[in-house]
């Protein structure tokens, strides 16, 4: 038998192919490895868990992992998960859930859990007292009444509406999650500014200023003190500090730009005082080296304090690093209000005794009379970027508008009797004016025949936008740095009044508020 052997190479193979022939047939023998079959294992199921809580701002924890803000937990396998939901004012909910792909939509399993509200004490009342109200609690139940309410309501969104003839209706909606006690004031019909607080202060609050921040404070100078300076929480009326400076009161108060210091002036000692704003403690005394000191302004860099001296007819320049009065600038008679330009070059002075508006060059001390009308100029505020300065005139009963560049002065608006303290809104569009009213014939230390008023004007046009019938001799006045609040004092009543200020557009579109009706209520 003839046999022939050959070795062949097969493309793609890994072992030799051996073949031979024998007679009429061929026999091929193939020696190779068993082929490898790759099997893809099943992919694991990956899910996301979305937890919707009621209330929606509740704290959510899933298997010990807190919510990072989107209320979704990703890269989860099917199985059981422990969920804990908590929020102040509600009972904590703990739940174990089983998530499965069959419950998912686009890979997300959604779970909604609602917390059980706890009951919270609620007390409210109104001024005037006989006001009709409707209370709607978070579960949709309603109660009505006209007397003060005290009771418990379930946590959640709670609404109180109040109505009284001749007054603006009031609606309050609040998410209650802690005890609430509140007194609301209803405003006379048509009034745009809304009273939110009124409280007693020390004797004869002459000046005040409002701090910035979420919890603003009102600093008050008390002319008939001691105490000389007090501070209060604007929203709660809680007294936060009180300070006596010797046996006398204080005239004005001023906050430093960083609000770390408060400055108070005192007439009897002819001095200014530096107070720690956090503690209310007295830090330093700055003698003016003059007489009967009143108004204060700070230089733009905060290094100098300027103090107007009513009887000294001059301005003290106090170096706040050394604490010394380093210079006195001669001024017009009985200087009261002041304004310093942002570049620190000029100091404007309101002359109370002769109605002169004066500009003093701070470096040179050179004096320039800009306006002389024989009035009694008291207070100055300015929108310097737009070249506008506003001055109250107690004798003439007007607000003067001074064009800073042109050096011209015109009447912006006529006011009620004895306009004194004024202030601008932060946007420079609104001007607020406190008017003491007609003086008592015997002495202005006694209540006069009229209530005072607080007026709001469009600072651009002089149009009166609203009016508040105030108490006896409203004097101190300030707008908060954010423009949300107005505070003023009733000097002879020893009260501080706080109002919420709507936005400028709302005031302009309110048809003058009570401007056309309030005067009938001024006479006592």
Protein backbone atom coordinates (compact mmCIF):
# COMPACT_ATOMS: atom_id res chain seq x y z
CA UNK A 1 0.00 0.00 0.00
CA UNK A 2 1.37 3.25 -1.04
CA UNK A 3 1.06 6.00 1.48
CA UNK A 4 2.10 9.58 1.22
CA UNK A 5 2.02 12.02 4.06
CA UNK A 6 1.68 15.79 3.96
CA UNK A 7 1.25 18.51 6.51
CA UNK A 8 -1.00 21.42 5.68
CA UNK A 9 -1.57 24.76 7.31
CA UNK A 10 -5.19 25.84 7.67
CA UNK A 11 -5.85 29.57 7.71
CA UNK A 12 -7.00 30.74 11.10
CA UNK A 13 -6.12 27.50 12.82
CA UNK A 14 -3.88 26.93 15.76
CA UNK A 15 -2.98 23.22 15.17
CA UNK A 16 -1.54 21.37 12.09
CA UNK A 17 -3.82 19.60 9.64
CA UNK A 18 -2.44 16.13 8.81
CA UNK A 19 -3.58 14.34 5.64
CA UNK A 20 -2.63 11.11 3.71
CA UNK A 21 -3.84 9.06 0.75
CA UNK A 22 -4.29 5.32 0.59
CA UNK A 23 -5.64 3.79 -2.55
CA UNK A 24 -9.01 5.11 -3.67
CA UNK A 25 -9.71 7.32 -0.72
CA UNK A 26 -8.20 10.02 1.32
CA UNK A 27 -8.37 10.26 5.04
CA UNK A 28 -7.95 13.51 6.74
CA UNK A 29 -7.23 13.72 10.35
CA UNK A 30 -7.69 17.03 12.04
CA UNK A 31 -6.20 17.68 15.39
CA UNK A 32 -7.34 20.98 16.93
CA UNK A 33 -8.57 22.59 20.23
CA UNK A 34 -12.22 22.71 21.15
CA UNK A 35 -13.60 26.14 20.03
CA UNK A 36 -14.11 28.77 22.83
CA UNK A 37 -17.63 30.15 23.04
CA UNK A 38 -17.88 33.58 24.82
CA UNK A 39 -21.07 33.97 26.90
CA UNK A 40 -22.11 37.54 27.98
CA UNK A 41 -23.40 37.46 31.58
CA UNK A 42 -26.72 39.27 32.29
CA UNK A 43 -26.30 42.97 33.22
CA UNK A 44 -27.22 43.91 36.82
CA UNK A 45 -30.35 46.04 37.25
CA UNK A 46 -29.41 49.62 38.28
CA UNK A 47 -32.15 51.92 39.53
CA UNK A 48 -32.61 55.46 40.87
CA UNK A 49 -34.88 56.31 43.79
CA UNK A 50 -36.73 59.64 43.83
CA UNK A 51 -38.35 60.58 47.15
CA UNK A 52 -41.04 63.25 47.11
CA UNK A 53 -41.65 64.55 50.61
CA UNK A 54 -44.53 66.63 51.90
CA UNK A 55 -43.58 69.26 53.03
CA UNK A 56 -41.13 69.44 50.13
CA UNK A 57 -38.34 71.02 52.21
CA UNK A 58 -38.21 68.10 54.66
CA UNK A 59 -34.88 66.39 55.40
CA UNK A 60 -34.61 62.96 53.71
CA UNK A 61 -32.15 60.14 54.54
CA UNK A 62 -32.01 56.87 52.56
CA UNK A 63 -29.96 54.05 54.10
CA UNK A 64 -28.04 56.64 56.11
CA UNK A 65 -27.28 58.83 53.09
CA UNK A 66 -28.72 62.34 53.29
CA UNK A 67 -30.30 64.15 50.37
CA UNK A 68 -27.79 66.27 48.45
CA UNK A 69 -30.44 68.63 47.16
CA UNK A 70 -32.14 66.85 44.27
CA UNK A 71 -33.98 64.17 46.33
CA UNK A 72 -32.68 61.42 44.01
CA UNK A 73 -30.45 58.49 45.00
CA UNK A 74 -28.75 56.79 42.03
CA UNK A 75 -26.89 53.55 41.30
CA UNK A 76 -29.15 51.41 43.46
CA UNK A 77 -29.83 47.69 43.15
CA UNK A 78 -33.32 46.27 43.64
CA UNK A 79 -34.06 45.55 47.27
CA UNK A 80 -35.12 47.09 50.55
CA UNK A 81 -34.23 50.62 51.60
CA UNK A 82 -34.83 52.48 54.85
CA UNK A 83 -36.15 56.05 54.45
CA UNK A 84 -36.26 58.62 57.26
CA UNK A 85 -37.99 61.99 56.71
CA UNK A 86 -38.01 64.79 59.26
CA UNK A 87 -38.94 68.45 59.51
CA UNK A 88 -39.51 70.91 62.32
CA UNK A 89 -43.18 71.00 63.22
CA UNK A 90 -43.94 67.52 61.88
CA UNK A 91 -43.70 63.97 63.21
CA UNK A 92 -40.69 62.10 61.84
CA UNK A 93 -41.59 59.34 59.34
CA UNK A 94 -39.56 56.12 59.05
CA UNK A 95 -40.35 53.66 56.28
CA UNK A 96 -38.82 50.57 54.64
CA UNK A 97 -39.61 50.15 50.96
CA UNK A 98 -38.76 47.51 48.39
CA UNK A 99 -37.78 48.85 44.97
CA UNK A 100 -37.96 46.71 41.86
CA UNK A 101 -37.51 47.27 38.14
CA UNK A 102 -41.19 46.63 37.61
CA UNK A 103 -41.93 49.77 39.64
CA UNK A 104 -39.52 51.95 37.66
CA UNK A 105 -40.23 54.39 34.88
CA UNK A 106 -37.16 55.15 32.79
CA UNK A 107 -35.12 53.53 35.53
CA UNK A 108 -36.50 55.73 38.32
CA UNK A 109 -38.65 54.51 41.19
CA UNK A 110 -40.66 57.38 42.72
CA UNK A 111 -41.91 57.32 46.28
CA UNK A 112 -44.10 60.00 47.87
CA UNK A 113 -44.27 60.29 51.66
CA UNK A 114 -46.31 62.82 53.61
CA UNK A 115 -45.43 63.88 57.15
CA UNK A 116 -48.05 64.18 59.85
CA UNK A 117 -48.25 67.79 61.11
CA UNK A 118 -47.89 68.52 64.80
CA UNK A 119 -50.08 71.11 66.51
CA UNK A 120 -48.52 74.52 67.12
CA UNK A 121 -49.66 77.35 69.41
CA UNK A 122 -50.97 80.36 67.50
CA UNK A 123 -51.95 83.72 68.94
CA UNK A 124 -52.95 86.76 66.97
CA UNK A 125 -54.71 90.06 67.50
CA UNK A 126 -55.40 93.23 65.57
CA UNK A 127 -55.25 96.96 65.94
CA UNK A 128 -58.05 98.15 65.85
CA UNK A 129 -59.20 95.38 68.17
CA UNK A 130 -62.70 94.81 66.76
CA UNK A 131 -61.51 93.43 63.42
CA UNK A 132 -63.29 90.55 61.66
CA UNK A 133 -60.98 87.71 60.69
CA UNK A 134 -60.99 84.31 58.97
CA UNK A 135 -58.40 81.68 59.85
CA UNK A 136 -57.69 78.87 57.36
CA UNK A 137 -55.41 76.10 58.60
CA UNK A 138 -53.22 73.75 56.59
CA UNK A 139 -55.87 71.01 56.61
CA UNK A 140 -58.42 73.33 54.99
CA UNK A 141 -60.47 74.00 58.12
CA UNK A 142 -61.65 77.56 58.80
CA UNK A 143 -62.53 79.59 61.87
CA UNK A 144 -63.94 83.10 62.14
CA UNK A 145 -64.00 85.73 64.85
CA UNK A 146 -63.40 89.35 65.81
CA UNK A 147 -61.52 89.01 69.09
CA UNK A 148 -57.93 87.96 69.67
CA UNK A 149 -57.30 84.30 68.82
CA UNK A 150 -55.34 81.85 70.96
CA UNK A 151 -55.23 78.15 70.19
CA UNK A 152 -53.40 75.37 68.38
CA UNK A 153 -53.31 74.78 64.64
CA UNK A 154 -51.65 72.03 62.57
CA UNK A 155 -48.26 72.93 61.13
CA UNK A 156 -48.23 73.99 57.50
CA UNK A 157 -49.43 76.86 55.36
CA UNK A 158 -51.82 78.97 57.43
CA UNK A 159 -53.75 82.01 56.23
CA UNK A 160 -55.43 84.81 58.16
CA UNK A 161 -57.55 87.42 56.39
CA UNK A 162 -58.93 90.47 58.19
CA UNK A 163 -61.41 93.19 57.27
CA UNK A 164 -62.78 96.32 58.90
CA UNK A 165 -64.80 99.18 57.48
CA UNK A 166 -62.62 102.15 56.56
CA UNK A 167 -59.42 100.09 56.66
CA UNK A 168 -57.34 98.27 54.08
CA UNK A 169 -58.02 94.49 54.13
CA UNK A 170 -55.14 92.36 55.33
CA UNK A 171 -54.03 88.86 54.35
CA UNK A 172 -51.25 86.92 56.07
CA UNK A 173 -50.00 83.58 54.78
CA UNK A 174 -47.32 81.79 56.72
CA UNK A 175 -45.91 78.28 56.91
CA UNK A 176 -46.24 77.60 60.63
CA UNK A 177 -43.71 75.19 62.13
CA UNK A 178 -43.20 76.82 65.53
CA UNK A 179 -45.30 78.83 68.00
CA UNK A 180 -46.46 82.15 66.53
CA UNK A 181 -47.69 85.24 68.31
CA UNK A 182 -48.45 88.35 66.30
CA UNK A 183 -50.35 91.59 66.37
CA UNK A 184 -51.28 93.13 63.04
CA UNK A 185 -52.18 96.71 62.28
CA UNK A 186 -54.84 97.51 59.73
CA UNK A 187 -54.02 100.65 57.79
CA UNK A 188 -56.50 103.38 56.89
CA UNK A 189 -58.14 102.78 53.52
CA UNK A 190 -55.92 103.87 50.67
CA UNK A 191 -52.65 103.98 52.62
CA UNK A 192 -49.84 102.29 50.70
CA UNK A 193 -47.22 101.95 53.42
CA UNK A 194 -48.13 99.21 55.89
CA UNK A 195 -47.49 99.48 59.60
CA UNK A 196 -45.78 96.39 61.02
CA UNK A 197 -44.72 97.53 64.46
CA UNK A 198 -45.08 100.17 67.14
CA UNK A 199 -43.39 100.16 70.53
CA UNK A 200 -42.40 102.39 73.42
CA UNK A 201 -38.88 103.77 73.67
CA UNK A 202 -37.07 105.82 76.26
CA UNK A 203 -37.85 109.53 76.76
CA UNK A 204 -37.99 111.80 73.68
CA UNK A 205 -36.52 109.74 70.81
CA UNK A 206 -34.75 112.41 68.75
CA UNK A 207 -32.74 110.42 66.20
CA UNK A 208 -32.64 106.87 64.89
CA UNK A 209 -30.86 104.73 62.35
CA UNK A 210 -31.51 101.20 61.03
CA UNK A 211 -28.83 98.57 60.56
CA UNK A 212 -28.68 96.18 57.62
CA UNK A 213 -29.02 92.36 57.54
CA UNK A 214 -31.74 89.78 58.05
CA UNK A 215 -32.35 90.92 61.64
CA UNK A 216 -32.06 94.71 61.48
CA UNK A 217 -31.76 96.77 64.63
CA UNK A 218 -33.01 100.27 65.30
CA UNK A 219 -30.59 102.51 67.19
CA UNK A 220 -32.36 105.37 68.99
CA UNK A 221 -30.96 108.50 70.63
CA UNK A 222 -33.06 109.81 73.54
CA UNK A 223 -32.84 113.54 74.09
CA UNK A 224 -34.45 113.45 77.56
CA UNK A 225 -32.35 110.56 78.80
CA UNK A 226 -30.71 108.84 80.51
CA UNK A 227 -30.74 106.28 79.11
CA UNK A 228 -29.06 108.07 76.22
CA UNK A 229 -28.99 105.39 73.49
CA UNK A 230 -31.08 102.26 73.03
CA UNK A 231 -31.33 99.59 70.34
CA UNK A 232 -34.25 97.36 69.39
CA UNK A 233 -34.92 94.45 67.09
CA UNK A 234 -36.87 96.07 64.25
CA UNK A 235 -39.26 93.16 63.73
CA UNK A 236 -39.85 91.96 67.29
CA UNK A 237 -39.39 95.27 69.17
CA UNK A 238 -37.20 93.43 71.69
CA UNK A 239 -34.71 95.78 73.32
CA UNK A 240 -31.17 94.65 72.50
CA UNK A 241 -29.10 97.27 74.35
CA UNK A 242 -29.35 100.37 76.50
CA UNK A 243 -26.66 102.88 77.42
CA UNK A 244 -26.54 105.89 79.73
CA UNK A 245 -23.92 108.52 78.93
CA UNK A 246 -23.64 110.49 82.13
CA UNK A 247 -26.75 112.33 83.27
CA UNK A 248 -27.83 113.51 79.81
CA UNK A 249 -29.49 112.10 76.74
CA UNK A 250 -28.26 112.07 73.14
CA UNK A 251 -29.25 114.00 70.02
CA UNK A 252 -28.35 111.88 66.99
CA UNK A 253 -27.01 108.40 66.22
CA UNK A 254 -24.88 107.29 63.28
CA UNK A 255 -23.67 103.85 62.20
CA UNK A 256 -20.18 103.30 60.78
CA UNK A 257 -20.06 101.86 57.25
CA UNK A 258 -19.12 98.40 58.55
CA UNK A 259 -21.76 98.75 61.30
CA UNK A 260 -19.29 97.76 63.98
CA UNK A 261 -19.51 101.15 65.69
CA UNK A 262 -22.32 103.54 66.61
CA UNK A 263 -21.69 107.24 67.16
CA UNK A 264 -23.95 109.38 69.37
CA UNK A 265 -23.84 113.13 69.91
CA UNK A 266 -24.65 114.96 73.14
CA UNK A 267 -25.44 118.66 73.31
CA UNK A 268 -24.79 119.32 76.99
CA UNK A 269 -21.26 117.93 76.94
CA UNK A 270 -20.54 119.09 73.37
CA UNK A 271 -19.13 115.71 72.49
CA UNK A 272 -19.57 112.62 70.36
CA UNK A 273 -19.36 109.09 71.72
CA UNK A 274 -18.27 105.82 70.14
CA UNK A 275 -20.31 102.71 71.01
CA UNK A 276 -19.67 99.03 70.30
CA UNK A 277 -22.55 98.00 68.04
CA UNK A 278 -22.48 94.37 69.16
CA UNK A 279 -22.60 94.96 72.89
CA UNK A 280 -23.92 98.51 73.16
CA UNK A 281 -20.99 99.42 75.43
CA UNK A 282 -19.38 102.86 75.45
CA UNK A 283 -15.86 102.81 73.97
CA UNK A 284 -14.56 106.38 73.59
CA UNK A 285 -15.47 110.04 74.09
CA UNK A 286 -14.65 112.74 71.52
CA UNK A 287 -14.86 116.33 72.88
CA UNK A 288 -15.80 118.74 70.11
CA UNK A 289 -13.98 121.70 71.67
CA UNK A 290 -17.06 123.73 70.81
CA UNK A 291 -20.66 124.07 72.05
CA UNK A 292 -24.01 122.26 71.72
CA UNK A 293 -22.98 119.49 69.32
CA UNK A 294 -25.67 117.82 67.17
CA UNK A 295 -25.31 116.28 63.70
CA UNK A 296 -22.59 113.84 62.56
CA UNK A 297 -21.22 112.56 59.25
CA UNK A 298 -18.28 110.32 58.47
CA UNK A 299 -15.64 110.94 55.82
CA UNK A 300 -15.85 108.55 52.83
CA UNK A 301 -12.93 106.47 54.13
CA UNK A 302 -14.34 106.37 57.66
CA UNK A 303 -11.27 107.94 59.26
CA UNK A 304 -12.82 111.28 60.23
CA UNK A 305 -16.01 112.23 62.05
CA UNK A 306 -17.52 115.66 61.40
CA UNK A 307 -19.69 117.08 64.18
CA UNK A 308 -21.85 120.19 63.76
CA UNK A 309 -21.90 122.53 66.75
CA UNK A 310 -25.20 124.40 67.01
CA UNK A 311 -24.04 127.15 69.38
CA UNK A 312 -20.40 127.10 68.33
CA UNK A 313 -21.23 127.93 64.71
CA UNK A 314 -18.55 125.56 63.54
CA UNK A 315 -17.81 121.96 62.57
CA UNK A 316 -15.43 119.74 64.56
CA UNK A 317 -13.17 117.42 62.54
CA UNK A 318 -12.39 114.41 64.75
CA UNK A 319 -9.58 112.00 63.88
CA UNK A 320 -10.93 108.55 64.75
CA UNK A 321 -7.46 107.05 65.01
CA UNK A 322 -6.28 109.47 67.68
CA UNK A 323 -9.71 110.39 69.05
CA UNK A 324 -8.80 114.07 68.94
CA UNK A 325 -10.55 117.05 67.39
CA UNK A 326 -7.78 118.03 65.02
CA UNK A 327 -9.49 121.01 63.43
CA UNK A 328 -12.59 123.20 63.57
CA UNK A 329 -14.16 124.61 60.43
CA UNK A 330 -16.10 127.87 60.71
CA UNK A 331 -19.62 127.58 59.34
CA UNK A 332 -22.88 129.42 58.89
CA UNK A 333 -25.03 130.25 61.92
CA UNK A 334 -26.49 127.30 63.89
CA UNK A 335 -25.26 124.50 61.61
CA UNK A 336 -27.56 121.45 61.67
CA UNK A 337 -27.67 118.98 58.78
CA UNK A 338 -24.54 118.03 56.84
CA UNK A 339 -23.57 116.13 53.71
CA UNK A 340 -20.04 115.20 52.65
CA UNK A 341 -19.27 114.50 49.00
CA UNK A 342 -18.09 110.98 48.12
CA UNK A 343 -14.68 112.35 47.08
CA UNK A 344 -14.27 113.96 50.49
CA UNK A 345 -13.67 117.44 49.02
CA UNK A 346 -16.73 119.35 50.18
CA UNK A 347 -18.97 119.55 53.21
CA UNK A 348 -22.48 120.96 52.74
CA UNK A 349 -24.08 122.66 55.77
CA UNK A 350 -27.76 123.43 56.47
CA UNK A 351 -28.01 126.67 58.45
CA UNK A 352 -30.99 126.52 60.79
CA UNK A 353 -30.79 130.06 62.11
CA UNK A 354 -30.61 131.90 58.79
CA UNK A 355 -31.70 129.48 56.06
CA UNK A 356 -28.30 129.41 54.38
CA UNK A 357 -27.07 126.39 52.43
CA UNK A 358 -23.29 126.52 52.63
CA UNK A 359 -20.47 124.55 51.02
CA UNK A 360 -17.12 124.28 52.77
CA UNK A 361 -13.91 123.13 51.06
CA UNK A 362 -12.60 120.55 53.50
CA UNK A 363 -8.93 121.06 52.72
CA UNK A 364 -8.99 124.83 52.53
CA UNK A 365 -11.89 125.63 54.86
CA UNK A 366 -13.16 128.08 52.23
CA UNK A 367 -16.87 128.84 52.60
CA UNK A 368 -19.37 129.41 49.82
CA UNK A 369 -23.01 130.42 50.25
CA UNK A 370 -25.15 128.49 47.75
CA UNK A 371 -28.62 129.52 48.89
CA UNK A 372 -30.00 132.09 51.33
CA UNK A 373 -33.76 132.25 51.80
CA UNK A 374 -34.29 133.25 55.43
CA UNK A 375 -35.76 129.87 56.35
CA UNK A 376 -34.68 127.26 58.88
CA UNK A 377 -32.76 124.54 57.04
CA UNK A 378 -32.55 121.39 59.12
CA UNK A 379 -31.62 118.18 57.31
CA UNK A 380 -29.77 117.27 54.09
CA UNK A 381 -29.79 114.08 52.03
CA UNK A 382 -28.36 113.68 48.54
CA UNK A 383 -28.47 111.54 45.43
CA UNK A 384 -24.98 112.64 44.47
CA UNK A 385 -24.66 110.43 41.38
CA UNK A 386 -27.61 112.27 39.86
CA UNK A 387 -26.53 115.66 41.19
CA UNK A 388 -29.60 116.13 43.44
CA UNK A 389 -29.62 117.36 47.03
CA UNK A 390 -32.71 117.65 49.24
CA UNK A 391 -33.03 120.00 52.23
CA UNK A 392 -35.89 120.33 54.72
CA UNK A 393 -36.94 123.83 55.77
CA UNK A 394 -38.90 123.96 59.02
CA UNK A 395 -39.76 127.65 58.74
CA UNK A 396 -40.95 127.63 55.14
CA UNK A 397 -42.60 124.19 55.26
CA UNK A 398 -40.94 122.99 52.06
CA UNK A 399 -38.38 120.57 50.70
CA UNK A 400 -35.74 122.31 48.64
CA UNK A 401 -34.10 120.63 45.65
CA UNK A 402 -30.53 121.77 45.05
CA UNK A 403 -28.85 121.06 41.71
CA UNK A 404 -25.29 120.26 42.77
CA UNK A 405 -23.65 121.04 39.43
CA UNK A 406 -25.67 124.13 38.53
CA UNK A 407 -25.73 125.39 42.15
CA UNK A 408 -29.40 126.31 41.84
CA UNK A 409 -32.14 125.66 44.41
CA UNK A 410 -35.86 125.27 43.78
CA UNK A 411 -38.90 124.02 45.68
CA UNK A 412 -39.44 120.28 45.18
CA UNK A 413 -42.53 119.94 47.40
CA UNK A 414 -44.58 121.70 50.04
CA UNK A 415 -45.14 119.80 53.26
CA UNK A 416 -47.12 119.96 56.48
CA UNK A 417 -45.90 122.19 59.32
CA UNK A 418 -42.34 121.83 60.59
CA UNK A 419 -40.72 119.26 58.29
CA UNK A 420 -37.55 118.06 59.97
CA UNK A 421 -35.84 114.71 59.30
CA UNK A 422 -35.80 113.40 55.72
CA UNK A 423 -34.38 110.35 53.97
CA UNK A 424 -34.11 108.87 50.49
CA UNK A 425 -34.86 105.32 49.39
CA UNK A 426 -31.72 103.44 48.28
CA UNK A 427 -32.69 103.88 44.61
CA UNK A 428 -32.97 107.63 45.08
CA UNK A 429 -36.56 107.67 43.80
CA UNK A 430 -38.54 108.19 47.02
CA UNK A 431 -38.20 110.93 49.61
CA UNK A 432 -39.60 110.43 53.13
CA UNK A 433 -40.33 113.43 55.36
CA UNK A 434 -41.34 113.64 59.02
CA UNK A 435 -43.43 116.71 59.88
CA UNK A 436 -43.84 117.70 63.52
CA UNK A 437 -47.08 119.56 62.90
CA UNK A 438 -48.19 122.89 64.32
CA UNK A 439 -46.46 123.77 67.60
CA UNK A 440 -48.23 124.31 70.90
CA UNK A 441 -48.53 128.07 71.49
CA UNK A 442 -46.95 127.83 74.93
CA UNK A 443 -44.04 125.57 74.03
CA UNK A 444 -43.11 123.00 71.43
CA UNK A 445 -42.23 120.75 74.39
CA UNK A 446 -45.99 120.28 74.75
CA UNK A 447 -48.32 118.51 72.29
CA UNK A 448 -49.70 120.87 69.66
CA UNK A 449 -53.20 121.20 68.20
CA UNK A 450 -52.36 118.82 65.35
CA UNK A 451 -51.01 115.34 64.93
CA UNK A 452 -47.79 115.15 63.00
CA UNK A 453 -47.41 113.39 59.67
CA UNK A 454 -44.95 111.37 57.63
CA UNK A 455 -45.09 112.07 53.89
CA UNK A 456 -43.72 110.20 50.88
CA UNK A 457 -42.77 112.10 47.73
CA UNK A 458 -41.55 111.12 44.31
CA UNK A 459 -38.00 112.46 44.54
CA UNK A 460 -37.90 113.10 40.80
CA UNK A 461 -41.13 115.07 40.43
CA UNK A 462 -42.16 116.15 43.93
CA UNK A 463 -45.52 114.38 43.58
CA UNK A 464 -46.91 113.21 46.92
CA UNK A 465 -47.33 109.43 46.86
CA UNK A 466 -48.64 108.62 50.36
CA UNK A 467 -49.21 110.07 53.83
CA UNK A 468 -49.29 108.72 57.37
CA UNK A 469 -51.12 110.45 60.20
CA UNK A 470 -48.55 110.16 62.97
CA UNK A 471 -48.47 111.00 66.67
CA UNK A 472 -47.17 113.95 68.65
CA UNK A 473 -44.17 115.50 66.88
CA UNK A 474 -42.75 112.79 64.58
CA UNK A 475 -39.04 113.64 64.45
CA UNK A 476 -36.50 110.86 63.94
CA UNK A 477 -36.77 109.00 60.63
CA UNK A 478 -34.74 106.49 58.64
CA UNK A 479 -35.14 104.09 55.71
CA UNK A 480 -33.42 100.71 56.06
CA UNK A 481 -30.38 100.10 53.81
CA UNK A 482 -32.35 97.60 51.71
CA UNK A 483 -35.28 100.00 51.31
CA UNK A 484 -37.79 97.59 52.84
CA UNK A 485 -38.57 99.43 56.09
CA UNK A 486 -39.29 102.91 57.33
CA UNK A 487 -38.95 103.79 61.01
CA UNK A 488 -39.85 107.08 62.66
CA UNK A 489 -40.35 108.35 66.19
CA UNK A 490 -43.20 110.24 67.80
CA UNK A 491 -40.99 112.48 69.91
CA UNK A 492 -43.47 113.49 72.62
CA UNK A 493 -45.21 110.08 72.72
CA UNK A 494 -41.97 108.13 73.20
CA UNK A 495 -42.90 105.66 70.48
CA UNK A 496 -41.10 104.09 67.52
CA UNK A 497 -43.16 103.21 64.46
CA UNK A 498 -42.11 100.74 61.76
CA UNK A 499 -43.65 100.45 58.29
CA UNK A 500 -43.09 98.16 55.33
CA UNK A 501 -42.30 100.07 52.13
CA UNK A 502 -43.63 98.69 48.84
CA UNK A 503 -41.52 98.95 45.70
CA UNK A 504 -41.23 102.29 43.96
CA UNK A 505 -43.48 101.35 41.05
CA UNK A 506 -46.29 100.30 43.40
CA UNK A 507 -46.14 103.64 45.15
CA UNK A 508 -46.15 105.56 41.89
CA UNK A 509 -49.19 103.66 40.65
CA UNK A 510 -51.22 103.97 43.86
CA UNK A 511 -52.90 107.24 42.98
CA UNK A 512 -51.30 109.20 45.79
CA UNK A 513 -52.29 106.81 48.56
CA UNK A 514 -53.91 108.89 51.33
CA UNK A 515 -52.46 112.19 50.11
CA UNK A 516 -55.88 113.62 49.32
CA UNK A 517 -57.67 112.48 52.48
CA UNK A 518 -55.30 112.46 55.47
CA UNK A 519 -55.32 116.20 56.25
CA UNK A 520 -58.86 116.00 57.64
CA UNK A 521 -57.49 113.73 60.39
CA UNK A 522 -54.58 115.92 61.50
CA UNK A 523 -56.53 118.24 63.77
CA UNK A 524 -57.08 116.69 67.18
